[in-house]
Amino acid sequence: MPLIAIVLAALAIGFEQLVQWKYGPMGIIAFVALTVGIKARNTVISGIGAVILVMLFAQSG
């Protein structure tokens, strides 16, 4: 179980770094809002984060 948690944490940090590198500060703000919203079970904050991420992904494509 601890090994799985370490692997998941490493993947999350890697994804966070990728978002920050590719999409800058707005990407990291959106990712943090999405993460905080999911953990707090707040649909408004997670929705805002998700919308911002989708807009950033669509802009680059």
PDB file of N, CA and C in Angstrom:
ATOM      1  N   MET A   1       0.804  -1.202   0.000  1.00  0.00           N
ATOM      2  CA  MET A   1       0.000   0.000   0.000  1.00  0.00           C
ATOM      3  C   MET A   1       0.854   1.277   0.000  1.00  0.00           C
ATOM      4  N   PRO A   2       1.893   1.389   0.830  1.00  0.00           N
ATOM      5  CA  PRO A   2       2.718   2.601   0.784  1.00  0.00           C
ATOM      6  C   PRO A   2       3.390   2.799  -0.576  1.00  0.00           C
ATOM      7  N   LEU A   3       3.760   1.718  -1.235  1.00  0.00           N
ATOM      8  CA  LEU A   3       4.399   1.830  -2.547  1.00  0.00           C
ATOM      9  C   LEU A   3       3.430   2.436  -3.553  1.00  0.00           C
ATOM     10  N   ILE A   4       2.178   2.027  -3.503  1.00  0.00           N
ATOM     11  CA  ILE A   4       1.180   2.574  -4.414  1.00  0.00           C
ATOM     12  C   ILE A   4       0.984   4.064  -4.152  1.00  0.00           C
ATOM     13  N   ALA A   5       0.953   4.456  -2.885  1.00  0.00           N
ATOM     14  CA  ALA A   5       0.793   5.871  -2.538  1.00  0.00           C
ATOM     15  C   ALA A   5       1.972   6.691  -3.034  1.00  0.00           C
ATOM     16  N   ILE A   6       3.169   6.160  -2.932  1.00  0.00           N
ATOM     17  CA  ILE A   6       4.359   6.868  -3.403  1.00  0.00           C
ATOM     18  C   ILE A   6       4.323   7.024  -4.924  1.00  0.00           C
ATOM     19  N   VAL A   7       3.928   5.975  -5.610  1.00  0.00           N
ATOM     20  CA  VAL A   7       3.849   6.032  -7.071  1.00  0.00           C
ATOM     21  C   VAL A   7       2.791   7.036  -7.509  1.00  0.00           C
ATOM     22  N   LEU A   8       1.630   7.027  -6.858  1.00  0.00           N
ATOM     23  CA  LEU A   8       0.578   7.982  -7.209  1.00  0.00           C
ATOM     24  C   LEU A   8       1.007   9.418  -6.917  1.00  0.00           C
ATOM     25  N   ALA A   9       1.696   9.628  -5.815  1.00  0.00           N
ATOM     26  CA  ALA A   9       2.191  10.965  -5.488  1.00  0.00           C
ATOM     27  C   ALA A   9       3.210  11.430  -6.525  1.00  0.00           C
ATOM     28  N   ALA A  10       4.088  10.530  -6.949  1.00  0.00           N
ATOM     29  CA  ALA A  10       5.082  10.879  -7.964  1.00  0.00           C
ATOM     30  C   ALA A  10       4.403  11.223  -9.290  1.00  0.00           C
ATOM     31  N   LEU A  11       3.376  10.482  -9.659  1.00  0.00           N
ATOM     32  CA  LEU A  11       2.652  10.783 -10.892  1.00  0.00           C
ATOM     33  C   LEU A  11       1.937  12.132 -10.801  1.00  0.00           C
ATOM     34  N   ALA A  12       1.344  12.410  -9.654  1.00  0.00           N
ATOM     35  CA  ALA A  12       0.654  13.689  -9.476  1.00  0.00           C
ATOM     36  C   ALA A  12       1.636  14.854  -9.556  1.00  0.00           C
ATOM     37  N   ILE A  13       2.781  14.718  -8.923  1.00  0.00           N
ATOM     38  CA  ILE A  13       3.793  15.780  -8.969  1.00  0.00           C
ATOM     39  C   ILE A  13       4.333  15.941 -10.384  1.00  0.00           C
ATOM     40  N   GLY A  14       4.539  14.835 -11.071  1.00  0.00           N
ATOM     41  CA  GLY A  14       4.993  14.906 -12.458  1.00  0.00           C
ATOM     42  C   GLY A  14       3.993  15.604 -13.359  1.00  0.00           C
ATOM     43  N   PHE A  15       2.706  15.293 -13.174  1.00  0.00           N
ATOM     44  CA  PHE A  15       1.668  15.950 -13.965  1.00  0.00           C
ATOM     45  C   PHE A  15       1.603  17.432 -13.639  1.00  0.00           C
ATOM     46  N   GLU A  16       1.732  17.760 -12.364  1.00  0.00           N
ATOM     47  CA  GLU A  16       1.714  19.166 -11.951  1.00  0.00           C
ATOM     48  C   GLU A  16       2.871  19.934 -12.585  1.00  0.00           C
ATOM     49  N   GLN A  17       4.055  19.339 -12.609  1.00  0.00           N
ATOM     50  CA  GLN A  17       5.212  19.995 -13.224  1.00  0.00           C
ATOM     51  C   GLN A  17       5.023  20.159 -14.732  1.00  0.00           C
ATOM     52  N   LEU A  18       4.424  19.166 -15.374  1.00  0.00           N
ATOM     53  CA  LEU A  18       4.150  19.250 -16.806  1.00  0.00           C
ATOM     54  C   LEU A  18       3.182  20.384 -17.107  1.00  0.00           C
ATOM     55  N   VAL A  19       2.126  20.486 -16.307  1.00  0.00           N
ATOM     56  CA  VAL A  19       1.150  21.552 -16.507  1.00  0.00           C
ATOM     57  C   VAL A  19       1.804  22.911 -16.291  1.00  0.00           C
ATOM     58  N   GLN A  20       2.615  23.033 -15.253  1.00  0.00           N
ATOM     59  CA  GLN A  20       3.272  24.309 -14.969  1.00  0.00           C
ATOM     60  C   GLN A  20       4.250  24.669 -16.082  1.00  0.00           C
ATOM     61  N   TRP A  21       4.987  23.691 -16.593  1.00  0.00           N
ATOM     62  CA  TRP A  21       5.956  23.958 -17.637  1.00  0.00           C
ATOM     63  C   TRP A  21       5.260  24.377 -18.937  1.00  0.00           C
ATOM     64  N   LYS A  22       4.192  23.682 -19.290  1.00  0.00           N
ATOM     65  CA  LYS A  22       3.548  23.922 -20.576  1.00  0.00           C
ATOM     66  C   LYS A  22       2.564  25.095 -20.548  1.00  0.00           C
ATOM     67  N   TYR A  23       1.850  25.280 -19.432  1.00  0.00           N
ATOM     68  CA  TYR A  23       0.779  26.271 -19.391  1.00  0.00           C
ATOM     69  C   TYR A  23       1.037  27.420 -18.430  1.00  0.00           C
ATOM     70  N   GLY A  24       2.170  27.428 -17.765  1.00  0.00           N
ATOM     71  CA  GLY A  24       2.564  28.546 -16.927  1.00  0.00           C
ATOM     72  C   GLY A  24       1.778  28.656 -15.628  1.00  0.00           C
ATOM     73  N   PRO A  25       1.791  29.828 -15.052  1.00  0.00           N
ATOM     74  CA  PRO A  25       1.153  30.024 -13.748  1.00  0.00           C
ATOM     75  C   PRO A  25      -0.357  29.776 -13.774  1.00  0.00           C
ATOM     76  N   MET A  26      -1.023  30.119 -14.876  1.00  0.00           N
ATOM     77  CA  MET A  26      -2.469  29.894 -14.937  1.00  0.00           C
ATOM     78  C   MET A  26      -2.787  28.404 -14.914  1.00  0.00           C
ATOM     79  N   GLY A  27      -1.945  27.594 -15.515  1.00  0.00           N
ATOM     80  CA  GLY A  27      -2.146  26.150 -15.487  1.00  0.00           C
ATOM     81  C   GLY A  27      -2.009  25.588 -14.084  1.00  0.00           C
ATOM     82  N   ILE A  28      -1.043  26.070 -13.342  1.00  0.00           N
ATOM     83  CA  ILE A  28      -0.841  25.564 -11.987  1.00  0.00           C
ATOM     84  C   ILE A  28      -1.968  26.037 -11.076  1.00  0.00           C
ATOM     85  N   ILE A  29      -2.461  27.264 -11.278  1.00  0.00           N
ATOM     86  CA  ILE A  29      -3.595  27.749 -10.493  1.00  0.00           C
ATOM     87  C   ILE A  29      -4.836  26.897 -10.767  1.00  0.00           C
ATOM     88  N   ALA A  30      -5.064  26.578 -12.030  1.00  0.00           N
ATOM     89  CA  ALA A  30      -6.212  25.746 -12.391  1.00  0.00           C
ATOM     90  C   ALA A  30      -6.080  24.349 -11.808  1.00  0.00           C
ATOM     91  N   PHE A  31      -4.876  23.784 -11.859  1.00  0.00           N
ATOM     92  CA  PHE A  31      -4.657  22.445 -11.320  1.00  0.00           C
ATOM     93  C   PHE A  31      -4.855  22.431  -9.806  1.00  0.00           C
ATOM     94  N   VAL A  32      -4.374  23.453  -9.129  1.00  0.00           N
ATOM     95  CA  VAL A  32      -4.555  23.539  -7.674  1.00  0.00           C
ATOM     96  C   VAL A  32      -6.035  23.710  -7.332  1.00  0.00           C
ATOM     97  N   ALA A  33      -6.746  24.553  -8.084  1.00  0.00           N
ATOM     98  CA  ALA A  33      -8.178  24.742  -7.833  1.00  0.00           C
ATOM     99  C   ALA A  33      -8.940  23.442  -8.039  1.00  0.00           C
ATOM    100  N   LEU A  34      -8.598  22.707  -9.082  1.00  0.00           N
ATOM    101  CA  LEU A  34      -9.242  21.422  -9.331  1.00  0.00           C
ATOM    102  C   LEU A  34      -8.958  20.442  -8.204  1.00  0.00           C
ATOM    103  N   THR A  35      -7.721  20.360  -7.774  1.00  0.00           N
ATOM    104  CA  THR A  35      -7.339  19.434  -6.708  1.00  0.00           C
ATOM    105  C   THR A  35      -8.003  19.802  -5.388  1.00  0.00           C
ATOM    106  N   VAL A  36      -7.966  21.074  -5.032  1.00  0.00           N
ATOM    107  CA  VAL A  36      -8.578  21.516  -3.771  1.00  0.00           C
ATOM    108  C   VAL A  36     -10.085  21.286  -3.813  1.00  0.00           C
ATOM    109  N   GLY A  37     -10.702  21.587  -4.928  1.00  0.00           N
ATOM    110  CA  GLY A  37     -12.141  21.380  -5.060  1.00  0.00           C
ATOM    111  C   GLY A  37     -12.541  19.923  -4.919  1.00  0.00           C
ATOM    112  N   ILE A  38     -11.749  19.026  -5.484  1.00  0.00           N
ATOM    113  CA  ILE A  38     -12.053  17.596  -5.374  1.00  0.00           C
ATOM    114  C   ILE A  38     -11.872  17.120  -3.941  1.00  0.00           C
ATOM    115  N   LYS A  39     -10.782  17.527  -3.314  1.00  0.00           N
ATOM    116  CA  LYS A  39     -10.526  17.090  -1.937  1.00  0.00           C
ATOM    117  C   LYS A  39     -11.544  17.661  -0.959  1.00  0.00           C
ATOM    118  N   ALA A  40     -11.998  18.895  -1.197  1.00  0.00           N
ATOM    119  CA  ALA A  40     -12.968  19.527  -0.308  1.00  0.00           C
ATOM    120  C   ALA A  40     -14.406  19.189  -0.704  1.00  0.00           C
ATOM    121  N   ARG A  41     -14.557  18.466  -1.783  1.00  0.00           N
ATOM    122  CA  ARG A  41     -15.874  18.119  -2.334  1.00  0.00           C
ATOM    123  C   ARG A  41     -16.699  19.369  -2.621  1.00  0.00           C
ATOM    124  N   ASN A  42     -16.018  20.368  -3.157  1.00  0.00           N
ATOM    125  CA  ASN A  42     -16.645  21.621  -3.540  1.00  0.00           C
ATOM    126  C   ASN A  42     -16.710  21.650  -5.060  1.00  0.00           C
ATOM    127  N   THR A  43     -17.902  21.491  -5.605  1.00  0.00           N
ATOM    128  CA  THR A  43     -18.040  21.389  -7.054  1.00  0.00           C
ATOM    129  C   THR A  43     -17.768  22.702  -7.770  1.00  0.00           C
ATOM    130  N   VAL A  44     -17.997  23.826  -7.105  1.00  0.00           N
ATOM    131  CA  VAL A  44     -17.765  25.124  -7.753  1.00  0.00           C
ATOM    132  C   VAL A  44     -16.273  25.322  -8.017  1.00  0.00           C
ATOM    133  N   ILE A  45     -15.450  25.103  -7.004  1.00  0.00           N
ATOM    134  CA  ILE A  45     -14.009  25.307  -7.162  1.00  0.00           C
ATOM    135  C   ILE A  45     -13.424  24.290  -8.138  1.00  0.00           C
ATOM    136  N   SER A  46     -13.821  23.025  -8.007  1.00  0.00           N
ATOM    137  CA  SER A  46     -13.298  22.017  -8.932  1.00  0.00           C
ATOM    138  C   SER A  46     -13.778  22.287 -10.352  1.00  0.00           C
ATOM    139  N   GLY A  47     -14.995  22.776 -10.503  1.00  0.00           N
ATOM    140  CA  GLY A  47     -15.505  23.115 -11.831  1.00  0.00           C
ATOM    141  C   GLY A  47     -14.744  24.261 -12.461  1.00  0.00           C
ATOM    142  N   ILE A  48     -14.432  25.280 -11.661  1.00  0.00           N
ATOM    143  CA  ILE A  48     -13.650  26.411 -12.165  1.00  0.00           C
ATOM    144  C   ILE A  48     -12.273  25.944 -12.613  1.00  0.00           C
ATOM    145  N   GLY A  49     -11.631  25.132 -11.796  1.00  0.00           N
ATOM    146  CA  GLY A  49     -10.317  24.602 -12.172  1.00  0.00           C
ATOM    147  C   GLY A  49     -10.376  23.771 -13.438  1.00  0.00           C
ATOM    148  N   ALA A  50     -11.411  22.934 -13.548  1.00  0.00           N
ATOM    149  CA  ALA A  50     -11.549  22.088 -14.733  1.00  0.00           C
ATOM    150  C   ALA A  50     -11.792  22.929 -15.986  1.00  0.00           C
ATOM    151  N   VAL A  51     -12.624  23.941 -15.871  1.00  0.00           N
ATOM    152  CA  VAL A  51     -12.917  24.798 -17.032  1.00  0.00           C
ATOM    153  C   VAL A  51     -11.659  25.532 -17.487  1.00  0.00           C
ATOM    154  N   ILE A  52     -10.902  26.045 -16.545  1.00  0.00           N
ATOM    155  CA  ILE A  52      -9.665  26.753 -16.908  1.00  0.00           C
ATOM    156  C   ILE A  52      -8.690  25.798 -17.593  1.00  0.00           C
ATOM    157  N   LEU A  53      -8.542  24.585 -17.044  1.00  0.00           N
ATOM    158  CA  LEU A  53      -7.644  23.614 -17.685  1.00  0.00           C
ATOM    159  C   LEU A  53      -8.101  23.263 -19.089  1.00  0.00           C
ATOM    160  N   VAL A  54      -9.401  23.061 -19.277  1.00  0.00           N
ATOM    161  CA  VAL A  54      -9.914  22.737 -20.606  1.00  0.00           C
ATOM    162  C   VAL A  54      -9.657  23.894 -21.573  1.00  0.00           C
ATOM    163  N   MET A  55      -9.846  25.113 -21.095  1.00  0.00           N
ATOM    164  CA  MET A  55      -9.588  26.261 -21.961  1.00  0.00           C
ATOM    165  C   MET A  55      -8.110  26.350 -22.341  1.00  0.00           C
ATOM    166  N   LEU A  56      -7.223  26.055 -21.398  1.00  0.00           N
ATOM    167  CA  LEU A  56      -5.789  26.071 -21.702  1.00  0.00           C
ATOM    168  C   LEU A  56      -5.428  24.953 -22.683  1.00  0.00           C
ATOM    169  N   PHE A  57      -6.017  23.761 -22.477  1.00  0.00           N
ATOM    170  CA  PHE A  57      -5.738  22.641 -23.384  1.00  0.00           C
ATOM    171  C   PHE A  57      -6.251  22.952 -24.790  1.00  0.00           C
ATOM    172  N   ALA A  58      -7.435  23.543 -24.886  1.00  0.00           N
ATOM    173  CA  ALA A  58      -8.020  23.858 -26.193  1.00  0.00           C
ATOM    174  C   ALA A  58      -7.216  24.953 -26.900  1.00  0.00           C
ATOM    175  N   GLN A  59      -6.692  25.880 -26.145  1.00  0.00           N
ATOM    176  CA  GLN A  59      -5.922  26.990 -26.720  1.00  0.00           C
ATOM    177  C   GLN A  59      -4.645  26.477 -27.385  1.00  0.00           C
ATOM    178  N   SER A  60      -4.010  25.472 -26.781  1.00  0.00           N
ATOM    179  CA  SER A  60      -2.738  25.005 -27.316  1.00  0.00           C
ATOM    180  C   SER A  60      -2.914  24.046 -28.491  1.00  0.00           C
ATOM    181  N   GLY A  61      -4.106  23.493 -28.664  1.00  0.00           N
ATOM    182  CA  GLY A  61      -4.337  22.495 -29.698  1.00  0.00           C
ATOM    183  C   GLY A  61      -4.771  23.048 -30.961  1.00  0.00           C
TER     184      GLY A  61
END
